[in-house]
Amino acid sequence: MKLAVIADIHGNVDALQAVLRDIKREGVDQIINLGDHFSGPLDAGGTADLLIGSDMRSIRGNHDRWLLEQSAAEMGPSDRVAAAQLDEKHIAWLSNLPTSLTIENDIFACHGTPDSDLTYWMETVHSDGSTGIADKNHIEKKACDIDASLMLCGHTHIPRLMRLADGRLLLNPGSVGCPAYSDTAPVYHSMQTGTPDACYAIAEKSDKNWFVSIRNVPYNSNRMAALAHKNERSDWASAVATGWLE
């Protein structure tokens, strides 16, 4: 079995198209999409049209949930721009997505952690706003009730692979469309990859072992950066153009 794992597209349809072209060249059997599909000052509608027409297995992320649960007045600026671009068929597709997936009893997929779409699984945020790898016990505890040799998560936009004490793998494929962002919870912090490339992962099982590679796909991000500027989001423009925040 050869899987492509994507996450955190955030309305960047140009990055998604580049990744899908690369996936096609790699000859994968299935694509698993870990959520946060649309929210951002980019092209939510174009992203939605492309995803709805695909046969990938997709789940909901926290921004997808907010698009369904919140009114425009309650939404943050990224969600508000995306919501204005989506029509009824896009929302209907989103509302039918599960919050997690188990595939062939051997692959578990969630957005953040098994019990929260807002929690970082492999990263932690310190009280001074610095970030780092989460405590080993925290990581292992979140996986204790999962009977799968490969566990997938997104949300942090940082590609990372860990092997747990019992040999299971935990994989974050990074972000297709948003290589840097800032957040205020639990305190202000930023996640930055330092590359504008679209990022995803390929996991291939041979016998009883998973072989994993992280793929960084270069693409022309000028149109996405221009859309971010048009929507008065210079932070997003910098993120998609450079992988760094201003």
C-alpha atoms as a PDB file:
ATOM      1  CA  MET A   1       0.000   0.000   0.000  1.00  0.00           C
ATOM      2  CA  LYS A   2       1.326   3.423  -0.982  1.00  0.00           C
ATOM      3  CA  LEU A   3      -0.372   6.451   0.576  1.00  0.00           C
ATOM      4  CA  ALA A   4      -0.061  10.174   0.003  1.00  0.00           C
ATOM      5  CA  VAL A   5      -0.848  12.174   3.142  1.00  0.00           C
ATOM      6  CA  ILE A   6      -1.781  15.842   2.806  1.00  0.00           C
ATOM      7  CA  ALA A   7      -2.984  18.423   5.324  1.00  0.00           C
ATOM      8  CA  ASP A   8      -3.646  22.104   5.926  1.00  0.00           C
ATOM      9  CA  ILE A   9      -4.291  23.317   2.380  1.00  0.00           C
ATOM     10  CA  HIS A  10      -5.894  26.538   3.691  1.00  0.00           C
ATOM     11  CA  GLY A  11      -7.324  27.651   0.350  1.00  0.00           C
ATOM     12  CA  ASN A  12      -4.024  27.502  -1.520  1.00  0.00           C
ATOM     13  CA  VAL A  13      -5.294  25.835  -4.671  1.00  0.00           C
ATOM     14  CA  ASP A  14      -2.078  26.462  -6.623  1.00  0.00           C
ATOM     15  CA  ALA A  15      -0.047  24.556  -4.024  1.00  0.00           C
ATOM     16  CA  LEU A  16      -2.663  21.799  -3.999  1.00  0.00           C
ATOM     17  CA  GLN A  17      -2.495  21.428  -7.782  1.00  0.00           C
ATOM     18  CA  ALA A  18       1.300  21.147  -7.611  1.00  0.00           C
ATOM     19  CA  VAL A  19       1.062  18.465  -4.932  1.00  0.00           C
ATOM     20  CA  LEU A  20      -1.580  16.492  -6.843  1.00  0.00           C
ATOM     21  CA  ARG A  21       0.632  16.512  -9.941  1.00  0.00           C
ATOM     22  CA  ASP A  22       3.532  15.191  -7.876  1.00  0.00           C
ATOM     23  CA  ILE A  23       1.304  12.545  -6.279  1.00  0.00           C
ATOM     24  CA  LYS A  24       0.186  11.368  -9.714  1.00  0.00           C
ATOM     25  CA  ARG A  25       3.814  10.922 -10.763  1.00  0.00           C
ATOM     26  CA  GLU A  26       4.467   8.875  -7.625  1.00  0.00           C
ATOM     27  CA  GLY A  27       1.681   6.394  -8.417  1.00  0.00           C
ATOM     28  CA  VAL A  28       0.041   6.241  -4.985  1.00  0.00           C
ATOM     29  CA  ASP A  29      -2.926   4.000  -4.165  1.00  0.00           C
ATOM     30  CA  GLN A  30      -4.815   6.466  -1.985  1.00  0.00           C
ATOM     31  CA  ILE A  31      -4.712  10.055  -0.707  1.00  0.00           C
ATOM     32  CA  ILE A  32      -5.596  10.889   2.887  1.00  0.00           C
ATOM     33  CA  ASN A  33      -6.398  14.542   3.611  1.00  0.00           C
ATOM     34  CA  LEU A  34      -6.175  15.662   7.254  1.00  0.00           C
ATOM     35  CA  GLY A  35      -8.285  18.822   7.098  1.00  0.00           C
ATOM     36  CA  ASP A  36      -8.205  22.613   7.291  1.00  0.00           C
ATOM     37  CA  HIS A  37      -9.036  22.789   3.609  1.00  0.00           C
ATOM     38  CA  PHE A  38     -10.277  26.313   2.947  1.00  0.00           C
ATOM     39  CA  SER A  39      -9.583  28.953   5.616  1.00  0.00           C
ATOM     40  CA  GLY A  40      -7.246  31.680   4.453  1.00  0.00           C
ATOM     41  CA  PRO A  41      -7.262  34.852   2.327  1.00  0.00           C
ATOM     42  CA  LEU A  42      -6.566  32.865  -0.852  1.00  0.00           C
ATOM     43  CA  ASP A  43      -8.841  30.753  -3.101  1.00  0.00           C
ATOM     44  CA  ALA A  44     -11.249  28.721  -0.973  1.00  0.00           C
ATOM     45  CA  GLY A  45     -13.751  28.253  -3.790  1.00  0.00           C
ATOM     46  CA  GLY A  46     -11.205  26.889  -6.238  1.00  0.00           C
ATOM     47  CA  THR A  47      -9.830  24.584  -3.564  1.00  0.00           C
ATOM     48  CA  ALA A  48     -13.320  23.311  -2.751  1.00  0.00           C
ATOM     49  CA  ASP A  49     -14.115  22.572  -6.394  1.00  0.00           C
ATOM     50  CA  LEU A  50     -10.900  20.586  -6.756  1.00  0.00           C
ATOM     51  CA  LEU A  51     -11.405  18.585  -3.548  1.00  0.00           C
ATOM     52  CA  ILE A  52     -15.065  17.771  -4.189  1.00  0.00           C
ATOM     53  CA  GLY A  53     -14.144  16.283  -7.548  1.00  0.00           C
ATOM     54  CA  SER A  54     -11.452  14.020  -6.080  1.00  0.00           C
ATOM     55  CA  ASP A  55     -11.663  10.531  -4.565  1.00  0.00           C
ATOM     56  CA  MET A  56      -9.329  11.224  -1.626  1.00  0.00           C
ATOM     57  CA  ARG A  57     -10.360  10.371   1.947  1.00  0.00           C
ATOM     58  CA  SER A  58     -10.771  13.626   3.877  1.00  0.00           C
ATOM     59  CA  ILE A  59     -11.487  14.629   7.470  1.00  0.00           C
ATOM     60  CA  ARG A  60     -12.374  17.910   9.168  1.00  0.00           C
ATOM     61  CA  GLY A  61      -9.932  20.238  10.925  1.00  0.00           C
ATOM     62  CA  ASN A  62     -10.590  22.993  13.452  1.00  0.00           C
ATOM     63  CA  HIS A  63     -10.984  25.697  10.796  1.00  0.00           C
ATOM     64  CA  ASP A  64     -13.415  23.479   8.891  1.00  0.00           C
ATOM     65  CA  ARG A  65     -15.433  23.088  12.087  1.00  0.00           C
ATOM     66  CA  TRP A  66     -15.486  26.846  12.648  1.00  0.00           C
ATOM     67  CA  LEU A  67     -16.740  27.411   9.097  1.00  0.00           C
ATOM     68  CA  LEU A  68     -19.687  25.172   9.963  1.00  0.00           C
ATOM     69  CA  GLU A  69     -20.361  26.321  13.512  1.00  0.00           C
ATOM     70  CA  GLN A  70     -19.732  30.076  13.521  1.00  0.00           C
ATOM     71  CA  SER A  71     -21.525  33.022  12.014  1.00  0.00           C
ATOM     72  CA  ALA A  72     -19.534  35.464   9.886  1.00  0.00           C
ATOM     73  CA  ALA A  73     -19.465  37.910  12.818  1.00  0.00           C
ATOM     74  CA  GLU A  74     -17.878  35.260  15.059  1.00  0.00           C
ATOM     75  CA  MET A  75     -15.247  34.122  12.572  1.00  0.00           C
ATOM     76  CA  GLY A  76     -11.624  35.130  12.484  1.00  0.00           C
ATOM     77  CA  PRO A  77     -10.430  36.967   9.367  1.00  0.00           C
ATOM     78  CA  SER A  78      -9.122  33.875   7.557  1.00  0.00           C
ATOM     79  CA  ASP A  79     -12.342  31.933   8.083  1.00  0.00           C
ATOM     80  CA  ARG A  80     -14.455  34.943   7.102  1.00  0.00           C
ATOM     81  CA  VAL A  81     -12.754  35.366   3.726  1.00  0.00           C
ATOM     82  CA  ALA A  82     -13.057  31.640   3.009  1.00  0.00           C
ATOM     83  CA  ALA A  83     -16.719  31.496   4.034  1.00  0.00           C
ATOM     84  CA  ALA A  84     -17.595  34.285   1.613  1.00  0.00           C
ATOM     85  CA  GLN A  85     -16.133  32.223  -1.268  1.00  0.00           C
ATOM     86  CA  LEU A  86     -17.919  28.949  -0.502  1.00  0.00           C
ATOM     87  CA  ASP A  87     -21.353  27.988  -1.807  1.00  0.00           C
ATOM     88  CA  GLU A  88     -23.936  25.489  -0.561  1.00  0.00           C
ATOM     89  CA  LYS A  89     -22.391  22.434  -2.228  1.00  0.00           C
ATOM     90  CA  HIS A  90     -19.015  23.242  -0.667  1.00  0.00           C
ATOM     91  CA  ILE A  91     -20.529  23.543   2.806  1.00  0.00           C
ATOM     92  CA  ALA A  92     -22.530  20.342   2.304  1.00  0.00           C
ATOM     93  CA  TRP A  93     -19.338  18.461   1.384  1.00  0.00           C
ATOM     94  CA  LEU A  94     -17.576  19.853   4.439  1.00  0.00           C
ATOM     95  CA  SER A  95     -20.430  18.991   6.796  1.00  0.00           C
ATOM     96  CA  ASN A  96     -20.360  15.345   5.712  1.00  0.00           C
ATOM     97  CA  LEU A  97     -16.701  14.822   6.586  1.00  0.00           C
ATOM     98  CA  PRO A  98     -15.751  12.812   9.697  1.00  0.00           C
ATOM     99  CA  THR A  99     -13.438  14.165  12.386  1.00  0.00           C
ATOM    100  CA  SER A 100     -11.170  11.102  12.202  1.00  0.00           C
ATOM    101  CA  LEU A 101     -10.646   7.983  10.108  1.00  0.00           C
ATOM    102  CA  THR A 102      -9.481   4.430  10.641  1.00  0.00           C
ATOM    103  CA  ILE A 103      -8.412   2.729   7.422  1.00  0.00           C
ATOM    104  CA  GLU A 104      -7.985  -1.033   7.058  1.00  0.00           C
ATOM    105  CA  ASN A 105      -7.584  -1.292  10.847  1.00  0.00           C
ATOM    106  CA  ASP A 106      -3.967  -0.186  10.486  1.00  0.00           C
ATOM    107  CA  ILE A 107      -4.047   3.572   9.797  1.00  0.00           C
ATOM    108  CA  PHE A 108      -5.525   6.214  12.090  1.00  0.00           C
ATOM    109  CA  ALA A 109      -6.006   9.791  10.903  1.00  0.00           C
ATOM    110  CA  CYS A 110      -6.966  12.895  12.875  1.00  0.00           C
ATOM    111  CA  HIS A 111      -6.344  16.622  12.521  1.00  0.00           C
ATOM    112  CA  GLY A 112      -4.744  17.553  15.845  1.00  0.00           C
ATOM    113  CA  THR A 113      -4.843  14.698  18.360  1.00  0.00           C
ATOM    114  CA  PRO A 114      -7.336  11.836  18.750  1.00  0.00           C
ATOM    115  CA  ASP A 115      -9.422  13.847  21.222  1.00  0.00           C
ATOM    116  CA  SER A 116      -8.978  17.430  19.986  1.00  0.00           C
ATOM    117  CA  ASP A 117      -8.666  19.283  16.691  1.00  0.00           C
ATOM    118  CA  LEU A 118      -6.955  22.166  18.535  1.00  0.00           C
ATOM    119  CA  THR A 119      -4.153  20.304  20.321  1.00  0.00           C
ATOM    120  CA  TYR A 120      -0.611  19.901  19.013  1.00  0.00           C
ATOM    121  CA  TRP A 121       0.490  16.257  19.193  1.00  0.00           C
ATOM    122  CA  MET A 122       4.247  16.414  18.591  1.00  0.00           C
ATOM    123  CA  GLU A 123       4.915  20.087  19.348  1.00  0.00           C
ATOM    124  CA  THR A 124       4.548  22.184  22.467  1.00  0.00           C
ATOM    125  CA  VAL A 125       4.274  25.924  23.123  1.00  0.00           C
ATOM    126  CA  HIS A 126       6.196  27.278  26.121  1.00  0.00           C
ATOM    127  CA  SER A 127       5.015  30.158  28.285  1.00  0.00           C
ATOM    128  CA  ASP A 128       7.436  32.565  26.572  1.00  0.00           C
ATOM    129  CA  GLY A 129       6.011  31.729  23.137  1.00  0.00           C
ATOM    130  CA  SER A 130       8.879  29.526  22.026  1.00  0.00           C
ATOM    131  CA  THR A 131       8.032  26.134  20.548  1.00  0.00           C
ATOM    132  CA  GLY A 132       9.648  22.730  20.563  1.00  0.00           C
ATOM    133  CA  ILE A 133       9.068  18.993  20.545  1.00  0.00           C
ATOM    134  CA  ALA A 134       6.406  17.856  22.989  1.00  0.00           C
ATOM    135  CA  ASP A 135       7.170  15.697  25.995  1.00  0.00           C
ATOM    136  CA  LYS A 136       7.550  12.017  25.152  1.00  0.00           C
ATOM    137  CA  ASN A 137       4.963  10.975  27.743  1.00  0.00           C
ATOM    138  CA  HIS A 138       2.396  13.407  26.275  1.00  0.00           C
ATOM    139  CA  ILE A 139       2.944  11.985  22.794  1.00  0.00           C
ATOM    140  CA  GLU A 140       2.748   8.367  23.925  1.00  0.00           C
ATOM    141  CA  LYS A 141      -0.336   8.953  26.122  1.00  0.00           C
ATOM    142  CA  LYS A 142      -2.322  10.402  23.216  1.00  0.00           C
ATOM    143  CA  ALA A 143      -1.621   7.222  21.239  1.00  0.00           C
ATOM    144  CA  CYS A 144      -2.342   4.662  23.945  1.00  0.00           C
ATOM    145  CA  ASP A 145      -5.893   3.781  22.795  1.00  0.00           C
ATOM    146  CA  ILE A 146      -5.093   3.603  19.069  1.00  0.00           C
ATOM    147  CA  ASP A 147      -4.594   0.204  17.487  1.00  0.00           C
ATOM    148  CA  ALA A 148      -2.837   1.248  14.275  1.00  0.00           C
ATOM    149  CA  SER A 149       0.725   0.913  13.080  1.00  0.00           C
ATOM    150  CA  LEU A 150       0.585   4.327  11.341  1.00  0.00           C
ATOM    151  CA  MET A 151      -0.987   7.392  12.964  1.00  0.00           C
ATOM    152  CA  LEU A 152      -1.480  10.629  11.029  1.00  0.00           C
ATOM    153  CA  CYS A 153      -1.989  14.171  12.285  1.00  0.00           C
ATOM    154  CA  GLY A 154      -1.715  17.725  10.957  1.00  0.00           C
ATOM    155  CA  HIS A 155      -2.548  21.111  12.493  1.00  0.00           C
ATOM    156  CA  THR A 156       0.965  22.356  13.317  1.00  0.00           C
ATOM    157  CA  HIS A 157       2.026  22.708   9.644  1.00  0.00           C
ATOM    158  CA  ILE A 158       5.428  21.312  10.667  1.00  0.00           C
ATOM    159  CA  PRO A 159       6.437  18.034   8.970  1.00  0.00           C
ATOM    160  CA  ARG A 160       7.597  15.505  11.530  1.00  0.00           C
ATOM    161  CA  LEU A 161       7.925  11.734  11.956  1.00  0.00           C
ATOM    162  CA  MET A 162       8.274   9.909  15.273  1.00  0.00           C
ATOM    163  CA  ARG A 163       8.565   6.245  16.160  1.00  0.00           C
ATOM    164  CA  LEU A 164       6.861   5.419  19.451  1.00  0.00           C
ATOM    165  CA  ALA A 165       8.252   3.029  22.043  1.00  0.00           C
ATOM    166  CA  ASP A 166       6.187   0.116  20.727  1.00  0.00           C
ATOM    167  CA  GLY A 167       7.298   0.690  17.127  1.00  0.00           C
ATOM    168  CA  ARG A 168       4.229   2.514  15.809  1.00  0.00           C
ATOM    169  CA  LEU A 169       4.790   5.580  13.624  1.00  0.00           C
ATOM    170  CA  LEU A 170       3.306   9.042  14.126  1.00  0.00           C
ATOM    171  CA  LEU A 171       3.452  11.258  11.040  1.00  0.00           C
ATOM    172  CA  ASN A 172       2.652  14.909  10.386  1.00  0.00           C
ATOM    173  CA  PRO A 173       2.980  15.609   6.635  1.00  0.00           C
ATOM    174  CA  GLY A 174       3.349  19.373   7.043  1.00  0.00           C
ATOM    175  CA  SER A 175       1.190  21.886   5.215  1.00  0.00           C
ATOM    176  CA  VAL A 176       0.278  21.917   1.545  1.00  0.00           C
ATOM    177  CA  GLY A 177      -0.606  25.590   1.442  1.00  0.00           C
ATOM    178  CA  CYS A 178       0.451  27.544   4.532  1.00  0.00           C
ATOM    179  CA  PRO A 179       4.120  27.105   5.513  1.00  0.00           C
ATOM    180  CA  ALA A 180       4.042  29.695   8.309  1.00  0.00           C
ATOM    181  CA  TYR A 181       1.442  31.102  10.697  1.00  0.00           C
ATOM    182  CA  SER A 182       0.975  32.668  14.118  1.00  0.00           C
ATOM    183  CA  ASP A 183      -1.564  31.874  16.840  1.00  0.00           C
ATOM    184  CA  THR A 184      -2.547  33.344  20.189  1.00  0.00           C
ATOM    185  CA  ALA A 185      -3.373  30.095  22.010  1.00  0.00           C
ATOM    186  CA  PRO A 186      -2.168  29.110  24.533  1.00  0.00           C
ATOM    187  CA  VAL A 187       0.103  32.178  24.196  1.00  0.00           C
ATOM    188  CA  TYR A 188       1.269  34.060  21.113  1.00  0.00           C
ATOM    189  CA  HIS A 189       3.614  31.895  19.054  1.00  0.00           C
ATOM    190  CA  SER A 190       4.581  31.283  15.447  1.00  0.00           C
ATOM    191  CA  MET A 191       5.212  28.193  13.367  1.00  0.00           C
ATOM    192  CA  GLN A 192       7.542  28.761  10.413  1.00  0.00           C
ATOM    193  CA  THR A 193       9.089  26.230   8.047  1.00  0.00           C
ATOM    194  CA  GLY A 194      11.383  28.624   6.175  1.00  0.00           C
ATOM    195  CA  THR A 195      10.377  27.315   2.751  1.00  0.00           C
ATOM    196  CA  PRO A 196       7.516  28.358   0.460  1.00  0.00           C
ATOM    197  CA  ASP A 197       7.281  24.843  -0.999  1.00  0.00           C
ATOM    198  CA  ALA A 198       4.092  22.822  -0.744  1.00  0.00           C
ATOM    199  CA  CYS A 199       4.680  19.942   1.646  1.00  0.00           C
ATOM    200  CA  TYR A 200       3.165  16.467   1.950  1.00  0.00           C
ATOM    201  CA  ALA A 201       4.228  12.904   2.791  1.00  0.00           C
ATOM    202  CA  ILE A 202       4.261   9.485   1.175  1.00  0.00           C
ATOM    203  CA  ALA A 203       3.961   6.367   3.332  1.00  0.00           C
ATOM    204  CA  GLU A 204       4.453   2.946   1.787  1.00  0.00           C
ATOM    205  CA  LYS A 205       4.000  -0.347   3.593  1.00  0.00           C
ATOM    206  CA  SER A 206       6.239  -3.271   2.712  1.00  0.00           C
ATOM    207  CA  ASP A 207       5.767  -6.462   4.718  1.00  0.00           C
ATOM    208  CA  LYS A 208       5.213  -5.122   8.253  1.00  0.00           C
ATOM    209  CA  ASN A 209       7.171  -1.874   7.920  1.00  0.00           C
ATOM    210  CA  TRP A 210       6.194   1.639   6.833  1.00  0.00           C
ATOM    211  CA  PHE A 211       8.661   3.601   4.708  1.00  0.00           C
ATOM    212  CA  VAL A 212       7.981   7.336   4.909  1.00  0.00           C
ATOM    213  CA  SER A 213       9.262  10.295   2.924  1.00  0.00           C
ATOM    214  CA  ILE A 214       8.462  13.995   3.281  1.00  0.00           C
ATOM    215  CA  ARG A 215       8.186  15.733  -0.094  1.00  0.00           C
ATOM    216  CA  ASN A 216       8.661  19.462  -0.618  1.00  0.00           C
ATOM    217  CA  VAL A 217       7.160  20.534  -3.930  1.00  0.00           C
ATOM    218  CA  PRO A 218       8.209  23.892  -5.419  1.00  0.00           C
ATOM    219  CA  TYR A 219       5.514  25.890  -7.213  1.00  0.00           C
ATOM    220  CA  ASN A 220       4.913  29.488  -8.280  1.00  0.00           C
ATOM    221  CA  SER A 221       3.304  31.159  -5.256  1.00  0.00           C
ATOM    222  CA  ASN A 222       3.005  34.634  -6.800  1.00  0.00           C
ATOM    223  CA  ARG A 223      -0.746  34.420  -7.427  1.00  0.00           C
ATOM    224  CA  MET A 224      -1.454  33.271  -3.881  1.00  0.00           C
ATOM    225  CA  ALA A 225       0.726  36.029  -2.400  1.00  0.00           C
ATOM    226  CA  ALA A 226      -1.094  38.583  -4.552  1.00  0.00           C
ATOM    227  CA  LEU A 227      -4.470  37.313  -3.301  1.00  0.00           C
ATOM    228  CA  ALA A 228      -3.254  37.604   0.282  1.00  0.00           C
ATOM    229  CA  HIS A 229      -2.188  41.214  -0.326  1.00  0.00           C
ATOM    230  CA  LYS A 230      -5.533  41.935  -2.003  1.00  0.00           C
ATOM    231  CA  ASN A 231      -7.278  40.667   1.124  1.00  0.00           C
ATOM    232  CA  GLU A 232      -5.027  42.866   3.316  1.00  0.00           C
ATOM    233  CA  ARG A 233      -3.073  39.982   4.818  1.00  0.00           C
ATOM    234  CA  SER A 234       0.607  40.779   4.433  1.00  0.00           C
ATOM    235  CA  ASP A 235       1.430  38.039   6.944  1.00  0.00           C
ATOM    236  CA  TRP A 236      -0.076  35.413   4.656  1.00  0.00           C
ATOM    237  CA  ALA A 237       1.611  36.957   1.625  1.00  0.00           C
ATOM    238  CA  SER A 238       4.981  36.607   3.343  1.00  0.00           C
ATOM    239  CA  ALA A 239       4.200  33.061   4.505  1.00  0.00           C
ATOM    240  CA  VAL A 240       3.268  31.672   1.088  1.00  0.00           C
ATOM    241  CA  ALA A 241       6.065  33.563  -0.692  1.00  0.00           C
ATOM    242  CA  THR A 242       8.920  32.727   1.691  1.00  0.00           C
ATOM    243  CA  GLY A 243       7.880  30.277   4.417  1.00  0.00           C
ATOM    244  CA  TRP A 244       8.511  32.994   7.004  1.00  0.00           C
ATOM    245  CA  LEU A 245       6.214  35.554   8.637  1.00  0.00           C
ATOM    246  CA  GLU A 246       6.977  39.249   8.258  1.00  0.00           C
END
